[in-house]
C-alpha atoms as a PDB file:
ATOM      1  CA  MET A   1       0.236   0.118  -0.405  1.00  0.00           C
ATOM      2  CA  LYS A   2       2.447   1.932   0.283  1.00  0.00           C
ATOM      3  CA  LYS A   3       3.340   2.728  -3.281  1.00  0.00           C
ATOM      4  CA  PHE A   4      -0.793   4.172  -2.879  1.00  0.00           C
ATOM      5  CA  PHE A   5      -0.419   6.248  -0.095  1.00  0.00           C
ATOM      6  CA  ASP A   6       3.036   7.485  -1.892  1.00  0.00           C
ATOM      7  CA  TYR A   7       0.943   8.848  -4.716  1.00  0.00           C
ATOM      8  CA  LEU A   8      -1.613  10.639  -2.687  1.00  0.00           C
ATOM      9  CA  THR A   9       0.752  12.396  -0.481  1.00  0.00           C
ATOM     10  CA  PHE A  10       3.153  13.321  -3.625  1.00  0.00           C
ATOM     11  CA  GLU A  11       0.903  13.813  -7.081  1.00  0.00           C
ATOM     12  CA  LYS A  12      -2.661  14.412  -5.415  1.00  0.00           C
ATOM     13  CA  LYS A  13      -1.511  15.770  -2.744  1.00  0.00           C
ATOM     14  CA  LEU A  14      -4.302  15.311  -0.189  1.00  0.00           C
ATOM     15  CA  SER A  15      -4.288  16.283   3.103  1.00  0.00           C
ATOM     16  CA  SER A  16      -2.480  14.159   6.540  1.00  0.00           C
ATOM     17  CA  ASN A  17      -6.122  14.327   7.856  1.00  0.00           C
ATOM     18  CA  THR A  18      -7.541  12.948   4.517  1.00  0.00           C
ATOM     19  CA  ILE A  19      -4.632  10.104   4.396  1.00  0.00           C
ATOM     20  CA  VAL A  20      -4.907   9.260   7.271  1.00  0.00           C
ATOM     21  CA  ALA A  21      -8.980   8.270   6.573  1.00  0.00           C
ATOM     22  CA  TYR A  22      -7.259   6.379   3.766  1.00  0.00           C
ATOM     23  CA  ARG A  23      -5.541   4.179   5.420  1.00  0.00           C
ATOM     24  CA  ASN A  24      -7.428   3.225   8.374  1.00  0.00           C
ATOM     25  CA  ASP A  25     -10.250   2.948   5.827  1.00  0.00           C
ATOM     26  CA  LEU A  26      -8.209   0.741   3.750  1.00  0.00           C
ATOM     27  CA  GLU A  27      -6.187  -1.417   7.298  1.00  0.00           C
ATOM     28  CA  THR A  28     -10.103  -2.043   8.495  1.00  0.00           C
ATOM     29  CA  CYS A  29     -11.322  -3.931   5.534  1.00  0.00           C
ATOM     30  CA  PHE A  30      -8.024  -6.009   4.978  1.00  0.00           C
ATOM     31  CA  SER A  31      -8.437  -6.562   8.688  1.00  0.00           C
ATOM     32  CA  PHE A  32     -11.952  -8.137   8.037  1.00  0.00           C
ATOM     33  CA  CYS A  33     -11.420 -10.062   4.683  1.00  0.00           C
ATOM     34  CA  GLN A  34      -7.531 -11.808   6.465  1.00  0.00           C
ATOM     35  CA  THR A  35      -9.903 -12.713   9.274  1.00  0.00           C
ATOM     36  CA  GLU A  36     -13.066 -14.056   7.039  1.00  0.00           C
ATOM     37  CA  PHE A  37     -11.388 -15.304   4.212  1.00  0.00           C
ATOM     38  CA  GLU A  38      -7.585 -15.730   5.042  1.00  0.00           C
ATOM     39  CA  ILE A  39      -6.426 -13.366   2.249  1.00  0.00           C
ATOM     40  CA  ASN A  40      -2.953 -11.988   2.083  1.00  0.00           C
ATOM     41  CA  ASP A  41      -3.210  -8.771   0.675  1.00  0.00           C
ATOM     42  CA  LEU A  42      -6.052  -6.346  -0.087  1.00  0.00           C
ATOM     43  CA  ALA A  43      -6.068  -6.367  -3.442  1.00  0.00           C
ATOM     44  CA  GLU A  44      -7.175 -10.683  -3.519  1.00  0.00           C
ATOM     45  CA  ALA A  45     -10.308  -9.735  -1.732  1.00  0.00           C
ATOM     46  CA  GLU A  46     -13.569 -10.420  -4.137  1.00  0.00           C
ATOM     47  CA  TYR A  47     -16.357  -7.881  -4.570  1.00  0.00           C
ATOM     48  CA  SER A  48     -18.702 -10.524  -2.028  1.00  0.00           C
ATOM     49  CA  MET A  49     -15.745 -10.640   0.496  1.00  0.00           C
ATOM     50  CA  ILE A  50     -15.682  -6.580   0.496  1.00  0.00           C
ATOM     51  CA  ARG A  51     -19.793  -6.869   0.419  1.00  0.00           C
ATOM     52  CA  LYS A  52     -19.793  -8.758   3.772  1.00  0.00           C
ATOM     53  CA  TRP A  53     -17.661  -6.252   5.322  1.00  0.00           C
ATOM     54  CA  ILE A  54     -19.911  -3.465   4.213  1.00  0.00           C
ATOM     55  CA  VAL A  55     -22.633  -5.492   5.580  1.00  0.00           C
ATOM     56  CA  LYS A  56     -21.109  -5.396   8.858  1.00  0.00           C
ATOM     57  CA  LEU A  57     -20.552  -1.691   8.656  1.00  0.00           C
ATOM     58  CA  SER A  58     -24.404  -1.425   8.656  1.00  0.00           C
ATOM     59  CA  ASN A  59     -25.347  -3.792  11.029  1.00  0.00           C
ATOM     60  CA  ASP A  60     -22.926  -1.601  13.353  1.00  0.00           C
ATOM     61  CA  GLY A  61     -24.423   1.106  13.329  1.00  0.00           C
ATOM     62  CA  LEU A  62     -22.446   3.527  10.681  1.00  0.00           C
ATOM     63  CA  SER A  63     -24.522   5.959   8.443  1.00  0.00           C
ATOM     64  CA  GLU A  64     -24.903   5.670   4.883  1.00  0.00           C
ATOM     65  CA  LEU A  65     -22.396   8.514   4.769  1.00  0.00           C
ATOM     66  CA  SER A  66     -19.469   7.285   6.534  1.00  0.00           C
ATOM     67  CA  ILE A  67     -19.689   3.420   4.429  1.00  0.00           C
ATOM     68  CA  ASN A  68     -19.741   5.587   1.116  1.00  0.00           C
ATOM     69  CA  ARG A  69     -16.861   7.108   2.373  1.00  0.00           C
ATOM     70  CA  LYS A  70     -14.837   3.784   3.348  1.00  0.00           C
ATOM     71  CA  ALA A  71     -16.567   2.728  -0.212  1.00  0.00           C
ATOM     72  CA  SER A  72     -14.653   5.324  -2.410  1.00  0.00           C
ATOM     73  CA  ALA A  73     -11.353   4.938  -0.331  1.00  0.00           C
ATOM     74  CA  LEU A  74     -11.528   0.746  -2.251  1.00  0.00           C
ATOM     75  CA  LYS A  75     -12.014   1.852  -5.387  1.00  0.00           C
ATOM     76  CA  SER A  76      -9.983   5.054  -5.514  1.00  0.00           C
ATOM     77  CA  TYR A  77      -7.134   2.276  -4.115  1.00  0.00           C
ATOM     78  CA  TYR A  78      -8.477  -0.201  -7.062  1.00  0.00           C
ATOM     79  CA  LYS A  79      -7.931   2.558  -9.609  1.00  0.00           C
ATOM     80  CA  PHE A  80      -4.443   3.219  -8.968  1.00  0.00           C
ATOM     81  CA  LEU A  81      -3.552  -0.903  -8.797  1.00  0.00           C
ATOM     82  CA  ILE A  82      -4.824  -0.796 -12.314  1.00  0.00           C
ATOM     83  CA  ARG A  83      -2.993   2.442 -13.441  1.00  0.00           C
ATOM     84  CA  ILE A  84       0.238   1.418 -12.099  1.00  0.00           C
ATOM     85  CA  GLY A  85      -0.649  -2.353 -13.610  1.00  0.00           C
ATOM     86  CA  ASP A  86      -0.564  -4.405 -10.222  1.00  0.00           C
ATOM     87  CA  LEU A  87      -4.555  -5.309 -11.375  1.00  0.00           C
ATOM     88  CA  LYS A  88      -6.875  -5.632 -14.055  1.00  0.00           C
ATOM     89  CA  ILE A  89     -10.028  -5.354 -12.650  1.00  0.00           C
ATOM     90  CA  SER A  90     -11.504  -3.636  -9.723  1.00  0.00           C
ATOM     91  CA  PRO A  91     -13.568  -5.277  -7.651  1.00  0.00           C
ATOM     92  CA  MET A  92     -15.704  -2.798  -6.843  1.00  0.00           C
ATOM     93  CA  GLN A  93     -16.403  -1.994 -10.278  1.00  0.00           C
ATOM     94  CA  ALA A  94     -19.737  -2.710  -9.959  1.00  0.00           C
ATOM     95  CA  HIS A  95     -20.790  -1.262  -6.849  1.00  0.00           C
ATOM     96  CA  LYS A  96     -23.491   1.423  -6.021  1.00  0.00           C
ATOM     97  CA  LYS A  97     -23.372   4.002  -3.424  1.00  0.00           C
ATOM     98  CA  LEU A  98     -25.826   3.451  -0.600  1.00  0.00           C
ATOM     99  CA  LYS A  99     -29.014   6.070  -0.731  1.00  0.00           C
ATOM    100  CA  THR A 100     -27.920   9.266   1.833  1.00  0.00           C
ATOM    101  CA  GLN A 101     -30.153  11.584   3.420  1.00  0.00           C
ATOM    102  CA  LYS A 102     -28.529  14.373   2.764  1.00  0.00           C
ATOM    103  CA  LYS A 103     -28.791  16.933   6.109  1.00  0.00           C
ATOM    104  CA  LEU A 104     -29.363  20.153   5.643  1.00  0.00           C
ATOM    105  CA  LEU A 105     -26.970  22.231   7.851  1.00  0.00           C
ATOM    106  CA  VAL A 106     -28.886  24.985   9.789  1.00  0.00           C
ATOM    107  CA  PRO A 107     -26.420  27.835   9.823  1.00  0.00           C
ATOM    108  CA  PHE A 108     -26.287  30.243  13.220  1.00  0.00           C
ATOM    109  CA  THR A 109     -28.548  33.439  12.985  1.00  0.00           C
ATOM    110  CA  GLU A 110     -26.632  37.340  13.118  1.00  0.00           C
ATOM    111  CA  GLU A 111     -28.564  37.727  16.462  1.00  0.00           C
ATOM    112  CA  GLU A 112     -26.683  34.407  18.039  1.00  0.00           C
ATOM    113  CA  VAL A 113     -23.389  34.703  16.006  1.00  0.00           C
ATOM    114  CA  ASN A 114     -23.213  38.550  17.749  1.00  0.00           C
ATOM    115  CA  ARG A 115     -24.013  37.379  21.083  1.00  0.00           C
ATOM    116  CA  VAL A 116     -21.404  35.409  21.321  1.00  0.00           C
ATOM    117  CA  ILE A 117     -19.308  38.140  19.167  1.00  0.00           C
ATOM    118  CA  ASN A 118     -19.914  40.856  21.660  1.00  0.00           C
ATOM    119  CA  GLU A 119     -19.211  38.481  24.726  1.00  0.00           C
ATOM    120  CA  ALA A 120     -16.741  39.998  27.415  1.00  0.00           C
ATOM    121  CA  PHE A 121     -14.145  37.696  26.598  1.00  0.00           C
ATOM    122  CA  ASP A 122     -11.657  36.904  28.800  1.00  0.00           C
ATOM    123  CA  ASP A 123      -8.644  39.613  29.361  1.00  0.00           C
ATOM    124  CA  THR A 124      -6.097  36.265  29.272  1.00  0.00           C
ATOM    125  CA  PHE A 125      -4.147  34.357  26.639  1.00  0.00           C
ATOM    126  CA  GLU A 126      -6.959  32.428  25.982  1.00  0.00           C
ATOM    127  CA  GLY A 127      -9.810  34.238  25.687  1.00  0.00           C
ATOM    128  CA  GLN A 128      -8.164  36.735  23.369  1.00  0.00           C
ATOM    129  CA  ARG A 129      -7.059  34.275  21.020  1.00  0.00           C
ATOM    130  CA  ASP A 130     -10.504  32.177  21.425  1.00  0.00           C
ATOM    131  CA  SER A 131     -12.230  35.805  20.180  1.00  0.00           C
ATOM    132  CA  LEU A 132      -9.743  35.871  17.728  1.00  0.00           C
ATOM    133  CA  MET A 133     -11.021  32.268  16.621  1.00  0.00           C
ATOM    134  CA  ILE A 134     -15.052  33.262  16.408  1.00  0.00           C
ATOM    135  CA  GLU A 135     -14.316  35.943  14.464  1.00  0.00           C
ATOM    136  CA  THR A 136     -11.941  34.580  12.166  1.00  0.00           C
ATOM    137  CA  PHE A 137     -13.945  32.112  11.417  1.00  0.00           C
ATOM    138  CA  TYR A 138     -16.862  34.235  10.705  1.00  0.00           C
ATOM    139  CA  SER A 139     -15.374  36.862   8.859  1.00  0.00           C
ATOM    140  CA  THR A 140     -13.324  34.473   6.454  1.00  0.00           C
ATOM    141  CA  GLY A 141     -15.621  31.458   6.181  1.00  0.00           C
ATOM    142  CA  ILE A 142     -12.024  28.891   6.101  1.00  0.00           C
ATOM    143  CA  ARG A 143     -11.799  25.381   7.394  1.00  0.00           C
ATOM    144  CA  ARG A 144     -11.091  24.433  10.593  1.00  0.00           C
ATOM    145  CA  ALA A 145      -8.179  22.740   9.085  1.00  0.00           C
ATOM    146  CA  GLU A 146      -7.309  25.816   7.054  1.00  0.00           C
ATOM    147  CA  LEU A 147      -7.369  28.293  10.714  1.00  0.00           C
ATOM    148  CA  ILE A 148      -4.734  25.472  12.681  1.00  0.00           C
ATOM    149  CA  LYS A 149      -2.065  26.170   9.820  1.00  0.00           C
ATOM    150  CA  LEU A 150      -2.106  29.646   9.888  1.00  0.00           C
ATOM    151  CA  LYS A 151       0.925  31.037  10.511  1.00  0.00           C
ATOM    152  CA  VAL A 152       1.703  34.888  11.776  1.00  0.00           C
ATOM    153  CA  SER A 153       3.557  35.570   8.161  1.00  0.00           C
ATOM    154  CA  ASP A 154       0.581  35.059   6.179  1.00  0.00           C
ATOM    155  CA  VAL A 155      -0.875  38.338   7.837  1.00  0.00           C
ATOM    156  CA  TYR A 156      -0.929  40.498   4.521  1.00  0.00           C
ATOM    157  CA  PHE A 157      -1.342  43.752   7.705  1.00  0.00           C
ATOM    158  CA  SER A 158      -0.653  46.518   4.286  1.00  0.00           C
ATOM    159  CA  LYS A 159      -2.689  44.593   1.877  1.00  0.00           C
ATOM    160  CA  LYS A 160      -5.816  44.188   4.250  1.00  0.00           C
ATOM    161  CA  LEU A 161      -4.908  40.009   3.101  1.00  0.00           C
ATOM    162  CA  ILE A 162      -4.970  36.684   4.560  1.00  0.00           C
ATOM    163  CA  LYS A 163      -3.410  34.068   2.652  1.00  0.00           C
ATOM    164  CA  VAL A 164      -4.879  30.026   3.551  1.00  0.00           C
ATOM    165  CA  GLN A 165      -3.632  27.360   2.534  1.00  0.00           C
ATOM    166  CA  GLY A 166      -6.603  24.707   1.718  1.00  0.00           C
ATOM    167  CA  LYS A 167      -7.231  21.300   0.402  1.00  0.00           C
ATOM    168  CA  ARG A 168      -4.213  19.776  -1.643  1.00  0.00           C
ATOM    169  CA  ASN A 169      -2.076  22.616  -0.646  1.00  0.00           C
ATOM    170  CA  LYS A 170      -3.078  25.515  -2.997  1.00  0.00           C
ATOM    171  CA  ASP A 171      -3.256  28.883  -1.667  1.00  0.00           C
ATOM    172  CA  ARG A 172      -5.969  31.592  -1.699  1.00  0.00           C
ATOM    173  CA  LEU A 173      -6.018  35.343  -0.373  1.00  0.00           C
ATOM    174  CA  ILE A 174      -9.047  36.619   1.476  1.00  0.00           C
ATOM    175  CA  PRO A 175      -9.417  39.668   2.591  1.00  0.00           C
ATOM    176  CA  MET A 176      -9.602  41.416   5.923  1.00  0.00           C
ATOM    177  CA  LEU A 177     -12.256  42.947   7.468  1.00  0.00           C
ATOM    178  CA  PRO A 178     -11.156  46.391   9.635  1.00  0.00           C
ATOM    179  CA  GLY A 179     -12.256  44.240  12.861  1.00  0.00           C
ATOM    180  CA  LEU A 180     -10.450  41.308  12.748  1.00  0.00           C
ATOM    181  CA  MET A 181      -7.547  42.982  11.450  1.00  0.00           C
ATOM    182  CA  LYS A 182      -7.512  44.802  14.449  1.00  0.00           C
ATOM    183  CA  LYS A 183      -8.194  41.660  16.896  1.00  0.00           C
ATOM    184  CA  ILE A 184      -5.646  40.127  15.457  1.00  0.00           C
ATOM    185  CA  GLN A 185      -3.067  43.101  15.975  1.00  0.00           C
ATOM    186  CA  SER A 186      -4.239  43.040  19.728  1.00  0.00           C
ATOM    187  CA  TYR A 187      -3.923  38.968  19.912  1.00  0.00           C
ATOM    188  CA  LEU A 188      -0.135  39.359  18.774  1.00  0.00           C
ATOM    189  CA  GLU A 189       0.604  40.909  21.945  1.00  0.00           C
ATOM    190  CA  TYR A 190      -0.897  38.211  23.744  1.00  0.00           C
ATOM    191  CA  ARG A 191       0.967  35.874  21.611  1.00  0.00           C
ATOM    192  CA  LYS A 192       3.939  37.120  22.746  1.00  0.00           C
ATOM    193  CA  LYS A 193       3.780  35.973  26.189  1.00  0.00           C
ATOM    194  CA  VAL A 194       2.933  32.399  25.499  1.00  0.00           C
ATOM    195  CA  VAL A 195       5.505  31.404  22.753  1.00  0.00           C
ATOM    196  CA  THR A 196       9.091  31.534  23.511  1.00  0.00           C
ATOM    197  CA  ASP A 197      10.139  29.202  20.774  1.00  0.00           C
ATOM    198  CA  PRO A 198      11.396  31.887  17.697  1.00  0.00           C
ATOM    199  CA  SER A 199      10.321  29.317  15.412  1.00  0.00           C
ATOM    200  CA  GLN A 200       7.073  28.840  16.151  1.00  0.00           C
ATOM    201  CA  ASN A 201       4.796  30.710  13.259  1.00  0.00           C
ATOM    202  CA  GLU A 202       1.181  29.285  13.866  1.00  0.00           C
ATOM    203  CA  LEU A 203      -0.816  31.841  14.496  1.00  0.00           C
ATOM    204  CA  PHE A 204      -3.336  30.202  16.599  1.00  0.00           C
ATOM    205  CA  VAL A 205      -1.606  28.243  19.566  1.00  0.00           C
ATOM    206  CA  THR A 206      -2.497  26.584  23.227  1.00  0.00           C
ATOM    207  CA  SER A 207      -1.626  28.360  26.469  1.00  0.00           C
ATOM    208  CA  LYS A 208       1.703  26.548  26.011  1.00  0.00           C
ATOM    209  CA  GLY A 209       2.305  27.921  23.093  1.00  0.00           C
ATOM    210  CA  LYS A 210       1.911  25.046  20.607  1.00  0.00           C
ATOM    211  CA  ARG A 211       0.239  23.692  18.145  1.00  0.00           C
ATOM    212  CA  MET A 212      -3.569  23.605  17.853  1.00  0.00           C
ATOM    213  CA  ASN A 213      -5.286  20.649  17.776  1.00  0.00           C
ATOM    214  CA  PRO A 214      -8.672  20.012  15.586  1.00  0.00           C
ATOM    215  CA  THR A 215     -10.237  19.014  19.131  1.00  0.00           C
ATOM    216  CA  LEU A 216      -9.527  21.920  20.781  1.00  0.00           C
ATOM    217  CA  VAL A 217     -10.905  24.386  18.076  1.00  0.00           C
ATOM    218  CA  TYR A 218     -13.773  22.504  17.938  1.00  0.00           C
ATOM    219  CA  ARG A 219     -14.610  22.299  22.011  1.00  0.00           C
ATOM    220  CA  ARG A 220     -14.127  25.797  21.733  1.00  0.00           C
ATOM    221  CA  ILE A 221     -16.048  26.732  19.430  1.00  0.00           C
ATOM    222  CA  ARG A 222     -18.957  24.615  20.479  1.00  0.00           C
ATOM    223  CA  ALA A 223     -18.627  25.831  24.614  1.00  0.00           C
ATOM    224  CA  TYR A 224     -19.073  29.110  23.376  1.00  0.00           C
ATOM    225  CA  PHE A 225     -22.198  28.914  20.860  1.00  0.00           C
ATOM    226  CA  SER A 226     -24.024  26.418  23.329  1.00  0.00           C
ATOM    227  CA  VAL A 227     -24.608  29.398  25.653  1.00  0.00           C
ATOM    228  CA  ALA A 228     -25.870  31.470  22.563  1.00  0.00           C
ATOM    229  CA  SER A 229     -27.450  29.259  20.087  1.00  0.00           C
ATOM    230  CA  THR A 230     -30.129  26.215  20.916  1.00  0.00           C
ATOM    231  CA  LYS A 231     -28.917  24.573  17.545  1.00  0.00           C
ATOM    232  CA  VAL A 232     -28.000  20.830  17.576  1.00  0.00           C
ATOM    233  CA  ARG A 233     -25.178  21.260  15.810  1.00  0.00           C
ATOM    234  CA  LYS A 234     -22.630  24.331  16.950  1.00  0.00           C
ATOM    235  CA  SER A 235     -18.706  23.483  15.126  1.00  0.00           C
ATOM    236  CA  PRO A 236     -16.302  25.550  13.170  1.00  0.00           C
ATOM    237  CA  HIS A 237     -17.918  23.878   9.998  1.00  0.00           C
ATOM    238  CA  ILE A 238     -21.256  25.358  11.129  1.00  0.00           C
ATOM    239  CA  LEU A 239     -19.441  29.273  11.483  1.00  0.00           C
ATOM    240  CA  ARG A 240     -18.337  28.482   7.987  1.00  0.00           C
ATOM    241  CA  HIS A 241     -21.802  27.306   6.553  1.00  0.00           C
ATOM    242  CA  THR A 242     -23.006  30.711   8.543  1.00  0.00           C
ATOM    243  CA  PHE A 243     -20.722  32.720   7.213  1.00  0.00           C
ATOM    244  CA  ALA A 244     -21.425  31.446   2.762  1.00  0.00           C
ATOM    245  CA  THR A 245     -25.273  31.843   4.186  1.00  0.00           C
ATOM    246  CA  HIS A 246     -25.274  35.429   5.730  1.00  0.00           C
ATOM    247  CA  LEU A 247     -23.094  36.487   2.743  1.00  0.00           C
ATOM    248  CA  LEU A 248     -25.995  34.854   0.124  1.00  0.00           C
ATOM    249  CA  ASN A 249     -28.520  37.063   2.277  1.00  0.00           C
ATOM    250  CA  LYS A 250     -26.751  40.475   1.705  1.00  0.00           C
ATOM    251  CA  GLY A 251     -26.903  39.936  -1.748  1.00  0.00           C
ATOM    252  CA  ALA A 252     -23.112  38.481  -2.652  1.00  0.00           C
ATOM    253  CA  ASP A 253     -22.137  37.123  -5.743  1.00  0.00           C
ATOM    254  CA  ILE A 254     -21.760  33.186  -5.451  1.00  0.00           C
ATOM    255  CA  ASN A 255     -18.762  33.225  -7.369  1.00  0.00           C
ATOM    256  CA  THR A 256     -17.362  35.504  -5.432  1.00  0.00           C
ATOM    257  CA  ILE A 257     -18.146  33.672  -2.096  1.00  0.00           C
ATOM    258  CA  LYS A 258     -16.640  30.310  -3.744  1.00  0.00           C
ATOM    259  CA  GLU A 259     -13.648  31.834  -4.385  1.00  0.00           C
ATOM    260  CA  ILE A 260     -13.451  32.967  -0.531  1.00  0.00           C
ATOM    261  CA  LEU A 261     -14.583  29.735   0.592  1.00  0.00           C
ATOM    262  CA  GLY A 262     -12.076  27.606  -2.034  1.00  0.00           C
ATOM    263  CA  HIS A 263     -14.418  25.123  -4.225  1.00  0.00           C
ATOM    264  CA  LEU A 264     -13.368  23.726  -6.773  1.00  0.00           C
ATOM    265  CA  SER A 265     -16.965  23.755  -8.286  1.00  0.00           C
ATOM    266  CA  LEU A 266     -19.318  25.840  -7.968  1.00  0.00           C
ATOM    267  CA  ALA A 267     -22.098  22.866  -7.199  1.00  0.00           C
ATOM    268  CA  SER A 268     -20.279  22.988  -3.760  1.00  0.00           C
ATOM    269  CA  THR A 269     -21.349  26.580  -3.062  1.00  0.00           C
ATOM    270  CA  GLN A 270     -24.529  25.977  -4.109  1.00  0.00           C
ATOM    271  CA  GLU A 271     -25.179  23.416  -1.399  1.00  0.00           C
ATOM    272  CA  TYR A 272     -25.158  26.919   1.059  1.00  0.00           C
ATOM    273  CA  ALA A 273     -28.077  28.137  -1.118  1.00  0.00           C
ATOM    274  CA  LYS A 274     -30.495  26.126  -0.414  1.00  0.00           C
ATOM    275  CA  VAL A 275     -30.897  27.283   3.229  1.00  0.00           C
ATOM    276  CA  ARG A 276     -31.853  30.284   1.573  1.00  0.00           C
ATOM    277  CA  LEU A 277     -34.719  28.414  -0.178  1.00  0.00           C
ATOM    278  CA  PRO A 278     -38.008  28.980   2.570  1.00  0.00           C
ATOM    279  CA  LYS A 279     -36.903  33.036   2.571  1.00  0.00           C
ATOM    280  CA  ILE A 280     -36.813  33.100  -0.897  1.00  0.00           C
ATOM    281  CA  VAL A 281     -40.023  31.521  -1.204  1.00  0.00           C
ATOM    282  CA  LYS A 282     -41.312  34.080   1.283  1.00  0.00           C
ATOM    283  CA  ASP A 283     -40.007  37.143   0.282  1.00  0.00           C
ATOM    284  CA  TYR A 284     -41.293  36.129  -3.036  1.00  0.00           C
ATOM    285  CA  GLN A 285     -44.569  35.853  -1.769  1.00  0.00           C
ATOM    286  CA  GLU A 286     -44.943  38.732   0.435  1.00  0.00           C
ATOM    287  CA  ALA A 287     -43.852  41.368  -3.012  1.00  0.00           C
ATOM    288  CA  HIS A 288     -45.062  40.026  -5.785  1.00  0.00           C
ATOM    289  CA  PRO A 289     -47.703  42.744  -7.307  1.00  0.00           C
ATOM    290  CA  ARG A 290     -49.948  38.800  -7.823  1.00  0.00           C
ATOM    291  CA  GLU A 291     -49.815  37.798  -4.496  1.00  0.00           C
ATOM    292  CA  GLN A 292     -50.756  41.495  -3.504  1.00  0.00           C
ATOM    293  CA  LEU A 293     -53.984  41.838  -5.549  1.00  0.00           C
ATOM    294  CA  HIS A 294     -54.609  37.927  -4.265  1.00  0.00           C
ATOM    295  CA  LYS A 295     -54.590  38.999  -0.103  1.00  0.00           C
ATOM    296  CA  GLU A 296     -56.581  42.219  -1.041  1.00  0.00           C
ATOM    297  CA  THR A 297     -59.270  40.543  -2.962  1.00  0.00           C
ATOM    298  CA  SER A 298     -58.959  37.670  -0.122  1.00  0.00           C
ATOM    299  CA  SER A 299     -59.591  39.725   2.427  1.00  0.00           C
ATOM    300  CA  SER A 300     -62.362  41.455   0.955  1.00  0.00           C
ATOM    301  CA  PRO A 301     -65.807  41.009   2.057  1.00  0.00           C
ATOM    302  CA  LYS A 302     -67.699  39.121  -0.419  1.00  0.00           C
ATOM    303  CA  ASN A 303     -70.594  41.477  -0.235  1.00  0.00           C
ATOM    304  CA  ASN A 304     -68.385  44.252  -0.915  1.00  0.00           C
ATOM    305  CA  LYS A 305     -67.740  43.036  -4.319  1.00  0.00           C
ATOM    306  CA  THR A 306     -68.601  44.685  -7.139  1.00  0.00           C
ATOM    307  CA  LYS A 307     -71.303  44.117  -9.102  1.00  0.00           C
ATOM    308  CA  HIS A 308     -71.542  45.265 -12.697  1.00  0.00           C
ATOM    309  CA  ASN A 309     -74.397  45.887 -14.753  1.00  0.00           C
ATOM    310  CA  TRP A 310     -73.778  44.785 -18.217  1.00  0.00           C
ATOM    311  CA  TYR A 311     -77.673  45.336 -20.024  1.00  0.00           C
END
């Protein structure tokens, strides 16, 4: 499998998190097939074996979305083996994705976001760091992994831009709002007190001056929004979703939002527009002249209708 993971790392340039997920998926499948069917290599697996593994995952309560992701990892692996000539036919060629019911993400309201942002954060390093994290997520719409990788040198104060390294190590520039720029400048003074290693260039660090980890970022965001919102899902991704939805609601061009979010296709960005549909329908019904006429006609007493004498 080493060749495959080298391919994902150096040619596909996938993130380390994605590669770890691929590795876990392949190793889990191989372990099952090895135990159940005594094969010595995942390349020897037949679809009937893999299907039994998929059935087991389903019986264990894994969601259809997660199962599809694991199956996708297998498809990619066998496609690679065919490409390098180690396999002629993929055992996954006849596999079809499980049907999934896509969950519609519910963004935070402007009031909920402002409630958190305007909160009196502690005048400590952690308080100011958390305040900046929330402001950065909401002002730029970046991903959690992108926030963690942000470096001090990625902030261009003179140009009012932030350089973000997205998926497949692709860089993009995002404008900085004045409020965000001011907050970063203030935070850097606090950061100096906890970072003793001159080579430590990450913008967001722990109270010990170390790099942030994904779990800590998630927990901090969830903790603050649990106080301000009753929504079930409270995470950095919901803040990213909120950023895009609020911009769309204010009339921002969807192609501009696509570039800021770092989406490869417009289809990904259009997913955020689905949340606007109920509001669009409501605004349409309230504003269209024919709807207004219908309301006026419906509210008028029947006996007040004008009678025309045509004779």
